[in-house]
Amino acid sequence: MAKPNYSFEKRKKELDRQKKKDEKKARKGEQNADGTEVTEGGEETEAVAEEA
């Protein structure tokens, strides 16, 4: 019987975790050109910017 390759499983899990983190970061940074931000449910909300 073959010996399990635990280091491969660990690396795969780390890559999956990093990919998920990057996708979440990209989703949070995503903003439409007209100043609305897309939320998880696909709804658009107006980005509020305070003027000084």
Protein backbone atom coordinates (compact mmCIF):
# COMPACT_ATOMS: atom_id res chain seq x y z
CA MET A 1 0.00 0.00 0.00
CA ALA A 2 1.24 3.48 -0.88
CA LYS A 3 2.22 5.93 1.83
CA PRO A 4 0.02 9.10 1.96
CA ASN A 5 1.68 12.31 0.85
CA TYR A 6 0.71 14.64 3.68
CA SER A 7 2.93 17.49 2.49
CA PHE A 8 1.02 17.59 -0.83
CA GLU A 9 -2.31 17.72 1.02
CA LYS A 10 -1.02 20.51 3.26
CA ARG A 11 0.25 22.52 0.26
CA LYS A 12 -3.08 22.04 -1.57
CA LYS A 13 -4.99 23.26 1.48
CA GLU A 14 -2.72 26.33 1.77
CA LEU A 15 -3.22 27.16 -1.93
CA ASP A 16 -7.00 26.83 -1.58
CA ARG A 17 -6.96 29.07 1.48
CA GLN A 18 -4.84 31.71 -0.32
CA LYS A 19 -7.09 31.60 -3.40
CA LYS A 20 -10.19 32.13 -1.27
CA LYS A 21 -8.50 35.04 0.52
CA ASP A 22 -7.51 36.67 -2.78
CA GLU A 23 -11.03 36.28 -4.19
CA LYS A 24 -12.50 37.89 -1.09
CA LYS A 25 -10.03 40.77 -1.31
CA ALA A 26 -10.83 41.29 -5.01
CA ARG A 27 -14.57 41.21 -4.29
CA LYS A 28 -14.23 43.82 -1.54
CA GLY A 29 -12.10 46.07 -3.76
CA GLU A 30 -14.43 45.75 -6.72
CA GLN A 31 -16.22 48.97 -7.54
CA ASN A 32 -18.14 50.06 -10.60
CA ALA A 33 -17.12 53.13 -12.60
CA ASP A 34 -20.31 55.01 -11.60
CA GLY A 35 -19.40 54.92 -7.90
CA THR A 36 -21.63 52.05 -6.84
CA GLU A 37 -20.29 49.03 -5.08
CA VAL A 38 -21.49 45.50 -5.77
CA THR A 39 -22.45 43.53 -2.65
CA GLU A 40 -22.54 39.75 -2.17
CA GLY A 41 -26.20 39.46 -3.13
CA GLY A 42 -25.60 41.30 -6.39
CA GLU A 43 -27.21 44.47 -5.09
CA GLU A 44 -25.59 47.79 -5.81
CA THR A 45 -25.13 50.34 -3.04
CA GLU A 46 -24.08 53.94 -3.42
CA ALA A 47 -20.52 54.57 -2.21
CA VAL A 48 -20.67 57.51 0.21
CA ALA A 49 -17.78 59.96 0.06
CA GLU A 50 -17.56 62.83 2.49
CA GLU A 51 -16.39 66.16 1.15
CA ALA A 52 -14.16 68.22 3.42
